[in-house]
Amino acid sequence: MRIVVQRVSSASVRAGGSAVASIGPGLCLLVGIAGDDGEAEVEAVAAKLASLRVFPDQEGRMNLGISEVGGEILLVSQFTLLGEVRKGRRPSFTAAAPPRRQSR
């Protein structure tokens, strides 16, 4: 599993010209799930993200987690994070989970 975590003041996903999801302050996550990822990996990552201290406290130090600031999470499935480009010019996505598992 690969995840890109971005702290945002707001974020949205648009499809076909209309917003399908949006959040206020929080985290935008681009998530690529590998073929061998299971529930144990998902639970471990969820626990890690819930306690990730990336929000500033009153002194400006990155010392608060998402729940402490009342933030939201926007998770976007992104299989391309698992693309392999070491050989040739066409990325290989064989490490990525099939589309049905990516969208759960």
N, C-alpha and C. Protein backbone atom coordinates (compact mmCIF):
# COMPACT_ATOMS: atom_id res chain seq x y z
N MET A 1 0.85 -1.16 0.00
CA MET A 1 0.00 0.00 0.00
C MET A 1 0.90 1.23 0.00
N ARG A 2 0.49 2.17 -0.81
CA ARG A 2 1.19 3.46 -0.83
C ARG A 2 0.15 4.55 -0.64
N ILE A 3 0.53 5.52 0.19
CA ILE A 3 -0.40 6.61 0.48
C ILE A 3 0.35 7.94 0.40
N VAL A 4 -0.23 8.88 -0.29
CA VAL A 4 0.25 10.25 -0.29
C VAL A 4 -0.70 11.02 0.63
N VAL A 5 -0.15 11.63 1.67
CA VAL A 5 -0.95 12.37 2.65
C VAL A 5 -0.70 13.86 2.45
N GLN A 6 -1.78 14.61 2.29
CA GLN A 6 -1.65 16.06 2.15
C GLN A 6 -2.60 16.74 3.11
N ARG A 7 -2.06 17.62 3.93
CA ARG A 7 -2.89 18.43 4.81
C ARG A 7 -3.52 19.52 3.96
N VAL A 8 -4.84 19.71 4.10
CA VAL A 8 -5.55 20.66 3.24
C VAL A 8 -6.47 21.56 4.05
N SER A 9 -6.73 22.74 3.51
CA SER A 9 -7.75 23.61 4.11
C SER A 9 -9.12 23.23 3.55
N SER A 10 -9.12 22.66 2.33
CA SER A 10 -10.32 22.08 1.73
C SER A 10 -9.86 21.24 0.54
N ALA A 11 -10.70 20.29 0.15
CA ALA A 11 -10.38 19.44 -1.00
C ALA A 11 -11.68 18.89 -1.56
N SER A 12 -11.66 18.58 -2.85
CA SER A 12 -12.84 17.98 -3.47
C SER A 12 -12.41 17.09 -4.62
N VAL A 13 -13.28 16.19 -4.98
CA VAL A 13 -13.11 15.32 -6.14
C VAL A 13 -14.26 15.61 -7.08
N ARG A 14 -13.91 15.84 -8.35
CA ARG A 14 -14.93 16.13 -9.35
C ARG A 14 -14.91 15.02 -10.40
N ALA A 15 -16.07 14.65 -10.86
CA ALA A 15 -16.21 13.68 -11.94
C ALA A 15 -17.33 14.14 -12.85
N GLY A 16 -17.05 14.18 -14.12
CA GLY A 16 -18.08 14.63 -15.06
C GLY A 16 -18.53 16.06 -14.82
N GLY A 17 -17.64 16.88 -14.27
CA GLY A 17 -17.96 18.28 -14.05
C GLY A 17 -18.65 18.61 -12.75
N SER A 18 -19.01 17.60 -11.97
CA SER A 18 -19.66 17.91 -10.69
C SER A 18 -18.90 17.28 -9.53
N ALA A 19 -18.98 17.92 -8.39
CA ALA A 19 -18.29 17.43 -7.20
C ALA A 19 -18.97 16.17 -6.70
N VAL A 20 -18.16 15.12 -6.45
CA VAL A 20 -18.70 13.88 -5.91
C VAL A 20 -18.35 13.72 -4.44
N ALA A 21 -17.36 14.49 -3.98
CA ALA A 21 -16.98 14.48 -2.57
C ALA A 21 -16.20 15.73 -2.27
N SER A 22 -16.34 16.23 -1.04
CA SER A 22 -15.57 17.41 -0.64
C SER A 22 -15.45 17.44 0.88
N ILE A 23 -14.38 18.08 1.34
CA ILE A 23 -14.14 18.24 2.77
C ILE A 23 -13.66 19.65 3.05
N GLY A 24 -13.72 20.02 4.32
CA GLY A 24 -13.12 21.25 4.79
C GLY A 24 -11.71 20.92 5.25
N PRO A 25 -11.22 21.57 6.28
CA PRO A 25 -9.85 21.31 6.75
C PRO A 25 -9.68 19.84 7.15
N GLY A 26 -8.53 19.28 6.77
CA GLY A 26 -8.25 17.90 7.12
C GLY A 26 -7.15 17.31 6.29
N LEU A 27 -7.32 16.06 5.89
CA LEU A 27 -6.32 15.33 5.12
C LEU A 27 -6.92 14.80 3.83
N CYS A 28 -6.20 14.99 2.75
CA CYS A 28 -6.55 14.38 1.48
C CYS A 28 -5.56 13.23 1.28
N LEU A 29 -6.09 12.02 1.10
CA LEU A 29 -5.25 10.83 0.96
C LEU A 29 -5.42 10.23 -0.43
N LEU A 30 -4.30 10.07 -1.13
CA LEU A 30 -4.29 9.31 -2.38
C LEU A 30 -3.79 7.93 -1.99
N VAL A 31 -4.59 6.88 -2.22
CA VAL A 31 -4.28 5.55 -1.71
C VAL A 31 -4.20 4.54 -2.85
N GLY A 32 -3.07 3.85 -2.94
CA GLY A 32 -2.89 2.75 -3.87
C GLY A 32 -2.81 1.46 -3.08
N ILE A 33 -3.71 0.53 -3.35
CA ILE A 33 -3.74 -0.73 -2.62
C ILE A 33 -3.08 -1.80 -3.46
N ALA A 34 -2.12 -2.51 -2.87
CA ALA A 34 -1.40 -3.58 -3.56
C ALA A 34 -2.22 -4.86 -3.52
N GLY A 35 -1.91 -5.76 -4.43
CA GLY A 35 -2.62 -7.01 -4.53
C GLY A 35 -2.56 -7.86 -3.28
N ASP A 36 -1.48 -7.74 -2.52
CA ASP A 36 -1.34 -8.57 -1.31
C ASP A 36 -1.72 -7.84 -0.03
N ASP A 37 -2.28 -6.64 -0.13
CA ASP A 37 -2.75 -5.92 1.06
C ASP A 37 -4.05 -6.53 1.56
N GLY A 38 -4.15 -6.68 2.87
CA GLY A 38 -5.36 -7.23 3.47
C GLY A 38 -5.89 -6.33 4.56
N GLU A 39 -6.84 -6.86 5.32
CA GLU A 39 -7.45 -6.07 6.39
C GLU A 39 -6.45 -5.63 7.44
N ALA A 40 -5.47 -6.47 7.75
CA ALA A 40 -4.48 -6.11 8.77
C ALA A 40 -3.70 -4.86 8.36
N GLU A 41 -3.31 -4.78 7.09
CA GLU A 41 -2.58 -3.60 6.61
C GLU A 41 -3.46 -2.36 6.63
N VAL A 42 -4.71 -2.52 6.24
CA VAL A 42 -5.64 -1.38 6.22
C VAL A 42 -5.86 -0.86 7.64
N GLU A 43 -6.07 -1.77 8.59
CA GLU A 43 -6.28 -1.35 9.98
C GLU A 43 -5.05 -0.67 10.56
N ALA A 44 -3.86 -1.19 10.25
CA ALA A 44 -2.63 -0.58 10.76
C ALA A 44 -2.45 0.84 10.21
N VAL A 45 -2.71 1.01 8.91
CA VAL A 45 -2.56 2.33 8.29
C VAL A 45 -3.61 3.29 8.84
N ALA A 46 -4.83 2.82 9.03
CA ALA A 46 -5.89 3.68 9.57
C ALA A 46 -5.52 4.17 10.97
N ALA A 47 -4.99 3.27 11.79
CA ALA A 47 -4.58 3.66 13.14
C ALA A 47 -3.44 4.68 13.08
N LYS A 48 -2.51 4.46 12.18
CA LYS A 48 -1.37 5.38 12.04
C LYS A 48 -1.86 6.76 11.60
N LEU A 49 -2.73 6.80 10.60
CA LEU A 49 -3.24 8.08 10.11
C LEU A 49 -4.05 8.81 11.17
N ALA A 50 -4.81 8.08 11.96
CA ALA A 50 -5.62 8.70 13.01
C ALA A 50 -4.76 9.37 14.06
N SER A 51 -3.55 8.88 14.26
CA SER A 51 -2.69 9.45 15.29
C SER A 51 -1.54 10.29 14.72
N LEU A 52 -1.52 10.48 13.42
CA LEU A 52 -0.48 11.26 12.77
C LEU A 52 -0.57 12.72 13.21
N ARG A 53 0.49 13.22 13.79
CA ARG A 53 0.48 14.59 14.32
C ARG A 53 1.03 15.56 13.28
N VAL A 54 0.14 16.06 12.45
CA VAL A 54 0.55 16.95 11.36
C VAL A 54 -0.16 18.30 11.39
N PHE A 55 -0.90 18.56 12.47
CA PHE A 55 -1.60 19.83 12.60
C PHE A 55 -0.98 20.64 13.73
N PRO A 56 -0.87 21.95 13.53
CA PRO A 56 -0.20 22.79 14.53
C PRO A 56 -1.03 22.99 15.80
N ASP A 57 -0.32 23.03 16.93
CA ASP A 57 -0.96 23.37 18.20
C ASP A 57 -0.94 24.89 18.36
N GLN A 58 -1.28 25.39 19.54
CA GLN A 58 -1.33 26.84 19.75
C GLN A 58 0.04 27.51 19.64
N GLU A 59 1.10 26.72 19.78
CA GLU A 59 2.45 27.27 19.66
C GLU A 59 3.02 27.10 18.26
N GLY A 60 2.22 26.56 17.34
CA GLY A 60 2.66 26.39 15.96
C GLY A 60 3.43 25.10 15.70
N ARG A 61 3.56 24.26 16.71
CA ARG A 61 4.27 22.98 16.54
C ARG A 61 3.32 21.93 15.97
N MET A 62 3.82 21.09 15.08
CA MET A 62 3.03 19.99 14.53
C MET A 62 2.85 18.96 15.63
N ASN A 63 1.77 19.10 16.37
CA ASN A 63 1.59 18.32 17.58
C ASN A 63 0.19 17.75 17.75
N LEU A 64 -0.71 17.99 16.78
CA LEU A 64 -2.09 17.55 16.93
C LEU A 64 -2.48 16.60 15.81
N GLY A 65 -3.35 15.65 16.14
CA GLY A 65 -3.89 14.71 15.17
C GLY A 65 -5.20 15.20 14.59
N ILE A 66 -5.68 14.49 13.60
CA ILE A 66 -6.90 14.89 12.90
C ILE A 66 -8.11 14.99 13.82
N SER A 67 -8.24 14.06 14.76
CA SER A 67 -9.41 14.09 15.65
C SER A 67 -9.34 15.26 16.63
N GLU A 68 -8.12 15.67 16.97
CA GLU A 68 -7.96 16.77 17.92
C GLU A 68 -8.32 18.12 17.32
N VAL A 69 -8.24 18.22 15.98
CA VAL A 69 -8.59 19.48 15.33
C VAL A 69 -9.96 19.41 14.66
N GLY A 70 -10.63 18.27 14.78
CA GLY A 70 -11.95 18.12 14.16
C GLY A 70 -11.89 18.10 12.65
N GLY A 71 -10.79 17.59 12.11
CA GLY A 71 -10.61 17.57 10.66
C GLY A 71 -11.35 16.43 9.98
N GLU A 72 -11.41 16.52 8.67
CA GLU A 72 -12.07 15.52 7.85
C GLU A 72 -11.02 14.81 6.98
N ILE A 73 -11.40 13.67 6.43
CA ILE A 73 -10.50 12.91 5.54
C ILE A 73 -11.22 12.66 4.23
N LEU A 74 -10.52 12.96 3.14
CA LEU A 74 -11.00 12.64 1.80
C LEU A 74 -10.03 11.60 1.25
N LEU A 75 -10.51 10.39 1.01
CA LEU A 75 -9.68 9.30 0.52
C LEU A 75 -10.00 9.06 -0.95
N VAL A 76 -8.96 9.08 -1.78
CA VAL A 76 -9.13 8.90 -3.21
C VAL A 76 -8.32 7.69 -3.65
N SER A 77 -8.98 6.70 -4.24
CA SER A 77 -8.30 5.52 -4.75
C SER A 77 -7.41 5.93 -5.92
N GLN A 78 -6.15 5.51 -5.88
CA GLN A 78 -5.18 5.94 -6.90
C GLN A 78 -4.21 4.80 -7.20
N PHE A 79 -4.62 3.84 -8.04
CA PHE A 79 -3.80 2.69 -8.34
C PHE A 79 -2.46 3.06 -8.98
N THR A 80 -2.38 4.21 -9.62
CA THR A 80 -1.15 4.60 -10.30
C THR A 80 0.02 4.80 -9.34
N LEU A 81 -0.24 4.93 -8.04
CA LEU A 81 0.85 5.03 -7.07
C LEU A 81 1.70 3.77 -7.03
N LEU A 82 1.15 2.66 -7.51
CA LEU A 82 1.87 1.40 -7.51
C LEU A 82 2.50 1.09 -8.86
N GLY A 83 2.51 2.06 -9.75
CA GLY A 83 3.11 1.86 -11.07
C GLY A 83 4.62 1.67 -10.98
N GLU A 84 5.12 0.73 -11.75
CA GLU A 84 6.56 0.43 -11.80
C GLU A 84 7.09 0.94 -13.13
N VAL A 85 8.10 1.84 -13.07
CA VAL A 85 8.62 2.45 -14.29
C VAL A 85 10.13 2.25 -14.46
N ARG A 86 10.70 1.29 -13.78
CA ARG A 86 12.15 1.07 -13.89
C ARG A 86 12.56 0.55 -15.25
N LYS A 87 11.71 -0.25 -15.88
CA LYS A 87 12.04 -0.84 -17.18
C LYS A 87 11.09 -0.30 -18.24
N GLY A 88 11.64 -0.02 -19.39
CA GLY A 88 10.81 0.41 -20.51
C GLY A 88 10.16 1.77 -20.30
N ARG A 89 9.19 2.06 -21.16
CA ARG A 89 8.52 3.35 -21.08
C ARG A 89 7.03 3.22 -20.78
N ARG A 90 6.58 2.00 -20.57
CA ARG A 90 5.17 1.78 -20.24
C ARG A 90 5.10 1.30 -18.80
N PRO A 91 4.43 2.03 -17.92
CA PRO A 91 4.35 1.60 -16.52
C PRO A 91 3.66 0.25 -16.38
N SER A 92 4.12 -0.52 -15.42
CA SER A 92 3.48 -1.79 -15.09
C SER A 92 2.69 -1.60 -13.80
N PHE A 93 1.46 -2.05 -13.80
CA PHE A 93 0.61 -1.93 -12.62
C PHE A 93 0.27 -3.29 -12.02
N THR A 94 1.14 -4.27 -12.25
CA THR A 94 0.86 -5.63 -11.76
C THR A 94 0.85 -5.71 -10.24
N ALA A 95 1.51 -4.79 -9.55
CA ALA A 95 1.52 -4.81 -8.08
C ALA A 95 0.21 -4.28 -7.50
N ALA A 96 -0.54 -3.54 -8.29
CA ALA A 96 -1.80 -2.95 -7.80
C ALA A 96 -2.89 -4.02 -7.68
N ALA A 97 -3.75 -3.81 -6.71
CA ALA A 97 -4.90 -4.70 -6.54
C ALA A 97 -5.84 -4.51 -7.73
N PRO A 98 -6.64 -5.53 -8.06
CA PRO A 98 -7.62 -5.37 -9.14
C PRO A 98 -8.59 -4.22 -8.83
N PRO A 99 -9.18 -3.62 -9.85
CA PRO A 99 -10.07 -2.47 -9.63
C PRO A 99 -11.16 -2.68 -8.59
N ARG A 100 -11.72 -3.86 -8.49
CA ARG A 100 -12.79 -4.09 -7.51
C ARG A 100 -12.28 -3.92 -6.10
N ARG A 101 -11.03 -4.29 -5.80
CA ARG A 101 -10.48 -4.14 -4.45
C ARG A 101 -10.08 -2.71 -4.19
N GLN A 102 -9.69 -1.96 -5.19
CA GLN A 102 -9.27 -0.58 -5.04
C GLN A 102 -10.41 0.31 -4.57
N SER A 103 -11.61 0.02 -4.98
CA SER A 103 -12.72 0.93 -4.71
C SER A 103 -13.55 0.56 -3.48
N ARG A 104 -13.14 -0.41 -2.72
CA ARG A 104 -13.91 -0.79 -1.52
C ARG A 104 -13.87 0.27 -0.47
